[in-house]
Amino acid sequence: MDRYLQPTAFFDYDRPSVKAWIDQQIEGLPADPIEQVKALYLAVRDSISYNPYVFQTDPRTLSASYALESGETYCIPKAVLLGAAARSIGIPSRLGLADVRNHLSSPKLIEWLRSDIFRMHGFIELYLNGRWVKATPAFNRQLCEMMKVEPLEFDGLNDSIFQEYTESGEAHMEYINDHGVFDDVPHQFIVDGVRSAYGHLFEEDDANTSERSLEQDMKSA
């Protein structure tokens, strides 16, 4: 279990900036790991905007510290940030990867990806009360409201994974392939998976990609 508690180049909770952010989120809370990790979950979910357009192959961009610095990122670094914060307060964490079919993505994002399947979706598993529990802090509240989907909550007891349906009963998220769990970020495995699914993105020189966001797509829809 010790390997799920260690800081790494990705789960870099030993960086002063990350440690200061974690301390700020749990300040004044009781010394209860579940209450603290619930607060950390909400902080990661809502203070870091979800933006799949910002994917880069640079390993540093998958780290907890980079997620904090950038203020916007996609599911894997957000999961890593929550996992790093959990490790810092003594809760073991590991990264889970899966492929999901997103029935409610923006047409622009689907056109960009040329697919409605999101390869290498990331979530975090936390060891609480003697078992592993899934947590998915990817979609921030503002984005969920735009998509008319209830933001995912996390109670520290039950799995928190993407909803299959929206509030109105439309299909939303479908998990179609499980890649397993990892004690650290398998950077090359992720890049290879993304490249095999969206090879065209590695051939394009699109200078405007960094200016795109899913929230902007939803606003202009």
C-alpha atoms as a PDB file:
ATOM      1  CA  MET A   1       0.000   0.000   0.000  1.00  0.00           C
ATOM      2  CA  ASP A   2       2.984   2.286   0.552  1.00  0.00           C
ATOM      3  CA  ARG A   3       3.419   2.919  -3.178  1.00  0.00           C
ATOM      4  CA  TYR A   4      -0.052   4.491  -3.273  1.00  0.00           C
ATOM      5  CA  LEU A   5       1.035   7.101  -0.729  1.00  0.00           C
ATOM      6  CA  GLN A   6       4.336   8.270  -2.192  1.00  0.00           C
ATOM      7  CA  PRO A   7       4.882  11.584  -3.986  1.00  0.00           C
ATOM      8  CA  THR A   8       6.063  11.224  -7.585  1.00  0.00           C
ATOM      9  CA  ALA A   9       6.833  13.572 -10.461  1.00  0.00           C
ATOM     10  CA  PHE A  10       3.093  13.439 -11.234  1.00  0.00           C
ATOM     11  CA  PHE A  11       1.576  13.057  -7.747  1.00  0.00           C
ATOM     12  CA  ASP A  12       3.825  15.913  -6.635  1.00  0.00           C
ATOM     13  CA  TYR A  13       2.155  16.933  -3.380  1.00  0.00           C
ATOM     14  CA  ASP A  14       5.616  17.609  -1.973  1.00  0.00           C
ATOM     15  CA  ARG A  15       5.861  20.785  -4.074  1.00  0.00           C
ATOM     16  CA  PRO A  16       5.311  23.873  -1.888  1.00  0.00           C
ATOM     17  CA  SER A  17       2.609  25.274  -4.185  1.00  0.00           C
ATOM     18  CA  VAL A  18       0.613  22.048  -4.078  1.00  0.00           C
ATOM     19  CA  LYS A  19       1.059  21.635  -0.329  1.00  0.00           C
ATOM     20  CA  ALA A  20      -0.098  25.222   0.271  1.00  0.00           C
ATOM     21  CA  TRP A  21      -3.198  24.655  -1.872  1.00  0.00           C
ATOM     22  CA  ILE A  22      -4.060  21.439  -0.032  1.00  0.00           C
ATOM     23  CA  ASP A  23      -3.625  23.107   3.361  1.00  0.00           C
ATOM     24  CA  GLN A  24      -5.917  25.931   2.247  1.00  0.00           C
ATOM     25  CA  GLN A  25      -8.686  23.529   1.212  1.00  0.00           C
ATOM     26  CA  ILE A  26      -8.749  21.587   4.474  1.00  0.00           C
ATOM     27  CA  GLU A  27      -8.118  24.502   6.843  1.00  0.00           C
ATOM     28  CA  GLY A  28     -10.643  24.488   9.667  1.00  0.00           C
ATOM     29  CA  LEU A  29     -11.999  21.042   8.853  1.00  0.00           C
ATOM     30  CA  PRO A  30     -12.096  18.269  11.459  1.00  0.00           C
ATOM     31  CA  ALA A  31      -9.245  15.752  11.430  1.00  0.00           C
ATOM     32  CA  ASP A  32     -11.459  13.300   9.569  1.00  0.00           C
ATOM     33  CA  PRO A  33      -9.925  11.989   6.332  1.00  0.00           C
ATOM     34  CA  ILE A  34     -13.314  11.467   4.662  1.00  0.00           C
ATOM     35  CA  GLU A  35     -14.474  15.011   5.392  1.00  0.00           C
ATOM     36  CA  GLN A  36     -11.145  16.367   4.180  1.00  0.00           C
ATOM     37  CA  VAL A  37     -11.101  14.360   0.952  1.00  0.00           C
ATOM     38  CA  LYS A  38     -14.711  15.372   0.215  1.00  0.00           C
ATOM     39  CA  ALA A  39     -13.646  19.019   0.445  1.00  0.00           C
ATOM     40  CA  LEU A  40     -10.622  18.317  -1.743  1.00  0.00           C
ATOM     41  CA  TYR A  41     -12.842  16.585  -4.311  1.00  0.00           C
ATOM     42  CA  LEU A  42     -15.096  19.639  -4.616  1.00  0.00           C
ATOM     43  CA  ALA A  43     -12.098  21.959  -4.842  1.00  0.00           C
ATOM     44  CA  VAL A  44     -10.579  19.957  -7.708  1.00  0.00           C
ATOM     45  CA  ARG A  45     -13.923  19.531  -9.455  1.00  0.00           C
ATOM     46  CA  ASP A  46     -14.945  23.180  -9.437  1.00  0.00           C
ATOM     47  CA  SER A  47     -11.791  25.291  -9.196  1.00  0.00           C
ATOM     48  CA  ILE A  48     -10.037  23.628 -12.153  1.00  0.00           C
ATOM     49  CA  SER A  49     -12.030  23.960 -15.379  1.00  0.00           C
ATOM     50  CA  TYR A  50     -12.415  20.876 -17.552  1.00  0.00           C
ATOM     51  CA  ASN A  51     -10.986  21.453 -21.033  1.00  0.00           C
ATOM     52  CA  PRO A  52     -10.063  18.451 -23.222  1.00  0.00           C
ATOM     53  CA  TYR A  53      -8.579  20.684 -25.919  1.00  0.00           C
ATOM     54  CA  VAL A  54      -5.467  21.388 -23.845  1.00  0.00           C
ATOM     55  CA  PHE A  55      -4.021  17.851 -24.007  1.00  0.00           C
ATOM     56  CA  GLN A  56      -0.251  17.844 -24.539  1.00  0.00           C
ATOM     57  CA  THR A  57       2.318  15.064 -24.677  1.00  0.00           C
ATOM     58  CA  ASP A  58       4.689  16.878 -22.296  1.00  0.00           C
ATOM     59  CA  PRO A  59       4.799  14.690 -19.131  1.00  0.00           C
ATOM     60  CA  ARG A  60       4.708  17.734 -16.871  1.00  0.00           C
ATOM     61  CA  THR A  61       1.193  18.603 -18.082  1.00  0.00           C
ATOM     62  CA  LEU A  62      -0.142  15.459 -16.412  1.00  0.00           C
ATOM     63  CA  SER A  63       1.085  16.462 -12.953  1.00  0.00           C
ATOM     64  CA  ALA A  64      -0.897  17.780 -10.009  1.00  0.00           C
ATOM     65  CA  SER A  65       1.171  20.956  -9.861  1.00  0.00           C
ATOM     66  CA  TYR A  66       0.566  21.740 -13.518  1.00  0.00           C
ATOM     67  CA  ALA A  67      -3.188  21.318 -13.080  1.00  0.00           C
ATOM     68  CA  LEU A  68      -3.066  23.930 -10.337  1.00  0.00           C
ATOM     69  CA  GLU A  69      -0.847  26.290 -12.319  1.00  0.00           C
ATOM     70  CA  SER A  70      -2.934  26.120 -15.489  1.00  0.00           C
ATOM     71  CA  GLY A  71      -6.354  26.378 -13.855  1.00  0.00           C
ATOM     72  CA  GLU A  72      -7.849  24.279 -16.638  1.00  0.00           C
ATOM     73  CA  THR A  73      -7.122  20.783 -17.819  1.00  0.00           C
ATOM     74  CA  TYR A  74      -8.805  17.480 -18.603  1.00  0.00           C
ATOM     75  CA  CYS A  75      -9.798  14.429 -16.606  1.00  0.00           C
ATOM     76  CA  ILE A  76      -6.411  12.762 -16.013  1.00  0.00           C
ATOM     77  CA  PRO A  77      -4.534  15.688 -14.402  1.00  0.00           C
ATOM     78  CA  LYS A  78      -7.636  16.588 -12.360  1.00  0.00           C
ATOM     79  CA  ALA A  79      -7.776  13.025 -11.072  1.00  0.00           C
ATOM     80  CA  VAL A  80      -4.039  13.134 -10.334  1.00  0.00           C
ATOM     81  CA  LEU A  81      -4.446  16.375  -8.390  1.00  0.00           C
ATOM     82  CA  LEU A  82      -7.127  14.799  -6.212  1.00  0.00           C
ATOM     83  CA  GLY A  83      -5.000  11.676  -5.801  1.00  0.00           C
ATOM     84  CA  ALA A  84      -1.957  13.723  -4.820  1.00  0.00           C
ATOM     85  CA  ALA A  85      -3.980  15.676  -2.277  1.00  0.00           C
ATOM     86  CA  ALA A  86      -5.362  12.444  -0.844  1.00  0.00           C
ATOM     87  CA  ARG A  87      -1.888  10.940  -0.499  1.00  0.00           C
ATOM     88  CA  SER A  88      -0.730  14.049   1.327  1.00  0.00           C
ATOM     89  CA  ILE A  89      -3.302  13.433   4.091  1.00  0.00           C
ATOM     90  CA  GLY A  90      -2.556   9.712   4.307  1.00  0.00           C
ATOM     91  CA  ILE A  91      -5.205   8.308   1.941  1.00  0.00           C
ATOM     92  CA  PRO A  92      -3.805   5.850  -0.632  1.00  0.00           C
ATOM     93  CA  SER A  93      -4.745   6.685  -4.210  1.00  0.00           C
ATOM     94  CA  ARG A  94      -4.307   5.179  -7.658  1.00  0.00           C
ATOM     95  CA  LEU A  95      -5.190   6.343 -11.153  1.00  0.00           C
ATOM     96  CA  GLY A  96      -7.845   4.534 -13.176  1.00  0.00           C
ATOM     97  CA  LEU A  97      -8.074   4.749 -16.974  1.00  0.00           C
ATOM     98  CA  ALA A  98     -10.971   3.800 -19.229  1.00  0.00           C
ATOM     99  CA  ASP A  99     -12.495   4.614 -22.604  1.00  0.00           C
ATOM    100  CA  VAL A 100     -15.927   6.248 -22.517  1.00  0.00           C
ATOM    101  CA  ARG A 101     -18.505   7.110 -25.154  1.00  0.00           C
ATOM    102  CA  ASN A 102     -19.773  10.620 -24.562  1.00  0.00           C
ATOM    103  CA  HIS A 103     -23.305  11.004 -25.919  1.00  0.00           C
ATOM    104  CA  LEU A 104     -23.465  14.685 -24.986  1.00  0.00           C
ATOM    105  CA  SER A 105     -20.176  16.105 -26.180  1.00  0.00           C
ATOM    106  CA  SER A 106     -20.175  19.263 -28.266  1.00  0.00           C
ATOM    107  CA  PRO A 107     -20.341  18.772 -32.041  1.00  0.00           C
ATOM    108  CA  LYS A 108     -17.126  20.795 -32.347  1.00  0.00           C
ATOM    109  CA  LEU A 109     -15.252  18.473 -29.990  1.00  0.00           C
ATOM    110  CA  ILE A 110     -16.519  15.374 -31.791  1.00  0.00           C
ATOM    111  CA  GLU A 111     -15.494  16.927 -35.101  1.00  0.00           C
ATOM    112  CA  TRP A 112     -12.037  17.680 -33.671  1.00  0.00           C
ATOM    113  CA  LEU A 113     -11.606  14.162 -32.304  1.00  0.00           C
ATOM    114  CA  ARG A 114     -13.429  12.528 -35.246  1.00  0.00           C
ATOM    115  CA  SER A 115     -15.032  10.274 -32.657  1.00  0.00           C
ATOM    116  CA  ASP A 116     -17.534  10.303 -29.790  1.00  0.00           C
ATOM    117  CA  ILE A 117     -15.249   7.971 -27.827  1.00  0.00           C
ATOM    118  CA  PHE A 118     -12.946   9.573 -25.290  1.00  0.00           C
ATOM    119  CA  ARG A 119      -9.810   7.442 -25.114  1.00  0.00           C
ATOM    120  CA  MET A 120      -7.961   7.337 -21.805  1.00  0.00           C
ATOM    121  CA  HIS A 121     -10.539   8.929 -19.532  1.00  0.00           C
ATOM    122  CA  GLY A 122      -9.022   9.288 -16.069  1.00  0.00           C
ATOM    123  CA  PHE A 123     -10.517   8.922 -12.603  1.00  0.00           C
ATOM    124  CA  ILE A 124      -9.010   8.310  -9.185  1.00  0.00           C
ATOM    125  CA  GLU A 125      -9.491   5.494  -6.719  1.00  0.00           C
ATOM    126  CA  LEU A 126      -9.131   6.234  -3.010  1.00  0.00           C
ATOM    127  CA  TYR A 127      -8.639   3.649  -0.274  1.00  0.00           C
ATOM    128  CA  LEU A 128     -11.239   4.513   2.365  1.00  0.00           C
ATOM    129  CA  ASN A 129     -12.807   2.362   5.064  1.00  0.00           C
ATOM    130  CA  GLY A 130     -10.904  -0.702   3.913  1.00  0.00           C
ATOM    131  CA  ARG A 131     -11.827  -0.600   0.213  1.00  0.00           C
ATOM    132  CA  TRP A 132     -11.125   1.266  -3.014  1.00  0.00           C
ATOM    133  CA  VAL A 133     -13.698   3.906  -3.953  1.00  0.00           C
ATOM    134  CA  LYS A 134     -13.829   5.682  -7.332  1.00  0.00           C
ATOM    135  CA  ALA A 135     -13.974   9.475  -7.598  1.00  0.00           C
ATOM    136  CA  THR A 136     -14.351  11.485 -10.808  1.00  0.00           C
ATOM    137  CA  PRO A 137     -13.727  15.233 -10.346  1.00  0.00           C
ATOM    138  CA  ALA A 138     -13.536  15.951 -14.095  1.00  0.00           C
ATOM    139  CA  PHE A 139     -16.581  18.086 -14.972  1.00  0.00           C
ATOM    140  CA  ASN A 140     -16.800  21.372 -13.078  1.00  0.00           C
ATOM    141  CA  ARG A 141     -20.196  22.639 -11.900  1.00  0.00           C
ATOM    142  CA  GLN A 142     -20.470  25.411 -14.494  1.00  0.00           C
ATOM    143  CA  LEU A 143     -19.924  22.977 -17.354  1.00  0.00           C
ATOM    144  CA  CYS A 144     -22.425  20.510 -15.893  1.00  0.00           C
ATOM    145  CA  GLU A 145     -25.049  23.233 -15.706  1.00  0.00           C
ATOM    146  CA  MET A 146     -24.456  24.044 -19.374  1.00  0.00           C
ATOM    147  CA  MET A 147     -24.848  20.365 -20.242  1.00  0.00           C
ATOM    148  CA  LYS A 148     -27.929  20.014 -18.007  1.00  0.00           C
ATOM    149  CA  VAL A 149     -26.267  17.254 -16.000  1.00  0.00           C
ATOM    150  CA  GLU A 150     -26.091  17.154 -12.213  1.00  0.00           C
ATOM    151  CA  PRO A 151     -22.482  17.671 -11.054  1.00  0.00           C
ATOM    152  CA  LEU A 152     -20.985  14.474  -9.689  1.00  0.00           C
ATOM    153  CA  GLU A 153     -20.919  14.393  -5.901  1.00  0.00           C
ATOM    154  CA  PHE A 154     -18.588  12.298  -3.759  1.00  0.00           C
ATOM    155  CA  ASP A 155     -19.509  11.115  -0.270  1.00  0.00           C
ATOM    156  CA  GLY A 156     -16.343   9.156   0.470  1.00  0.00           C
ATOM    157  CA  LEU A 157     -18.323   5.927   0.724  1.00  0.00           C
ATOM    158  CA  ASN A 158     -19.672   5.176  -2.740  1.00  0.00           C
ATOM    159  CA  ASP A 159     -18.220   5.232  -6.246  1.00  0.00           C
ATOM    160  CA  SER A 160     -18.586   8.559  -8.025  1.00  0.00           C
ATOM    161  CA  ILE A 161     -18.487   7.917 -11.786  1.00  0.00           C
ATOM    162  CA  PHE A 162     -20.015   9.597 -14.818  1.00  0.00           C
ATOM    163  CA  GLN A 163     -23.777   9.373 -15.102  1.00  0.00           C
ATOM    164  CA  GLU A 164     -25.294   7.183 -17.795  1.00  0.00           C
ATOM    165  CA  TYR A 165     -28.150   9.649 -18.332  1.00  0.00           C
ATOM    166  CA  THR A 166     -28.878  13.368 -18.101  1.00  0.00           C
ATOM    167  CA  GLU A 167     -31.619  14.920 -15.959  1.00  0.00           C
ATOM    168  CA  SER A 168     -34.029  14.536 -18.892  1.00  0.00           C
ATOM    169  CA  GLY A 169     -33.183  10.869 -19.460  1.00  0.00           C
ATOM    170  CA  GLU A 170     -30.912  11.264 -22.476  1.00  0.00           C
ATOM    171  CA  ALA A 171     -27.883   8.995 -22.808  1.00  0.00           C
ATOM    172  CA  HIS A 172     -24.786  10.697 -21.402  1.00  0.00           C
ATOM    173  CA  MET A 173     -21.737   8.547 -20.631  1.00  0.00           C
ATOM    174  CA  GLU A 174     -21.011   4.904 -21.400  1.00  0.00           C
ATOM    175  CA  TYR A 175     -17.889   3.119 -20.120  1.00  0.00           C
ATOM    176  CA  ILE A 176     -16.729   0.827 -22.923  1.00  0.00           C
ATOM    177  CA  ASN A 177     -13.172  -0.266 -22.083  1.00  0.00           C
ATOM    178  CA  ASP A 178     -11.227  -0.543 -18.830  1.00  0.00           C
ATOM    179  CA  HIS A 179      -7.442  -0.027 -18.965  1.00  0.00           C
ATOM    180  CA  GLY A 180      -6.846  -0.801 -15.281  1.00  0.00           C
ATOM    181  CA  VAL A 181      -5.395   1.126 -12.348  1.00  0.00           C
ATOM    182  CA  PHE A 182      -1.892   2.501 -11.791  1.00  0.00           C
ATOM    183  CA  ASP A 183       0.156   3.662  -8.811  1.00  0.00           C
ATOM    184  CA  ASP A 184       1.650   6.417 -10.975  1.00  0.00           C
ATOM    185  CA  VAL A 185       0.771   8.085 -14.273  1.00  0.00           C
ATOM    186  CA  PRO A 186       1.679   5.735 -17.171  1.00  0.00           C
ATOM    187  CA  HIS A 187       2.637   8.640 -19.418  1.00  0.00           C
ATOM    188  CA  GLN A 188       3.791   6.746 -22.494  1.00  0.00           C
ATOM    189  CA  PHE A 189       0.842   4.341 -22.309  1.00  0.00           C
ATOM    190  CA  ILE A 190      -1.538   7.314 -22.283  1.00  0.00           C
ATOM    191  CA  VAL A 191       0.195   9.102 -25.157  1.00  0.00           C
ATOM    192  CA  ASP A 192       0.311   5.913 -27.227  1.00  0.00           C
ATOM    193  CA  GLY A 193      -3.390   5.308 -26.584  1.00  0.00           C
ATOM    194  CA  VAL A 194      -4.364   8.842 -27.527  1.00  0.00           C
ATOM    195  CA  ARG A 195      -2.161   8.723 -30.614  1.00  0.00           C
ATOM    196  CA  SER A 196      -3.691   5.435 -31.785  1.00  0.00           C
ATOM    197  CA  ALA A 197      -7.212   6.840 -31.373  1.00  0.00           C
ATOM    198  CA  TYR A 198      -6.652  10.356 -32.725  1.00  0.00           C
ATOM    199  CA  GLY A 199      -3.569  10.135 -34.914  1.00  0.00           C
ATOM    200  CA  HIS A 200      -4.689  13.114 -36.967  1.00  0.00           C
ATOM    201  CA  LEU A 201      -4.227  15.407 -33.965  1.00  0.00           C
ATOM    202  CA  PHE A 202      -0.514  14.603 -33.931  1.00  0.00           C
ATOM    203  CA  GLU A 203      -0.220  15.510 -37.599  1.00  0.00           C
ATOM    204  CA  GLU A 204      -1.997  18.861 -37.389  1.00  0.00           C
ATOM    205  CA  ASP A 205      -0.349  22.135 -36.470  1.00  0.00           C
ATOM    206  CA  ASP A 206      -3.359  23.882 -34.980  1.00  0.00           C
ATOM    207  CA  ALA A 207      -2.240  27.058 -33.229  1.00  0.00           C
ATOM    208  CA  ASN A 208      -5.802  27.826 -32.113  1.00  0.00           C
ATOM    209  CA  THR A 209      -6.332  24.630 -30.128  1.00  0.00           C
ATOM    210  CA  SER A 210      -5.124  26.226 -26.891  1.00  0.00           C
ATOM    211  CA  GLU A 211      -7.797  28.905 -27.265  1.00  0.00           C
ATOM    212  CA  ARG A 212     -10.653  26.388 -27.445  1.00  0.00           C
ATOM    213  CA  SER A 213     -12.701  25.068 -24.572  1.00  0.00           C
ATOM    214  CA  LEU A 214     -15.719  22.855 -24.103  1.00  0.00           C
ATOM    215  CA  GLU A 215     -17.491  25.649 -22.225  1.00  0.00           C
ATOM    216  CA  GLN A 216     -17.069  27.948 -25.225  1.00  0.00           C
ATOM    217  CA  ASP A 217     -18.436  25.191 -27.464  1.00  0.00           C
ATOM    218  CA  MET A 218     -21.519  24.905 -25.269  1.00  0.00           C
ATOM    219  CA  LYS A 219     -22.053  28.672 -25.199  1.00  0.00           C
ATOM    220  CA  SER A 220     -21.906  28.922 -28.976  1.00  0.00           C
ATOM    221  CA  ALA A 221     -24.093  25.859 -29.626  1.00  0.00           C
END
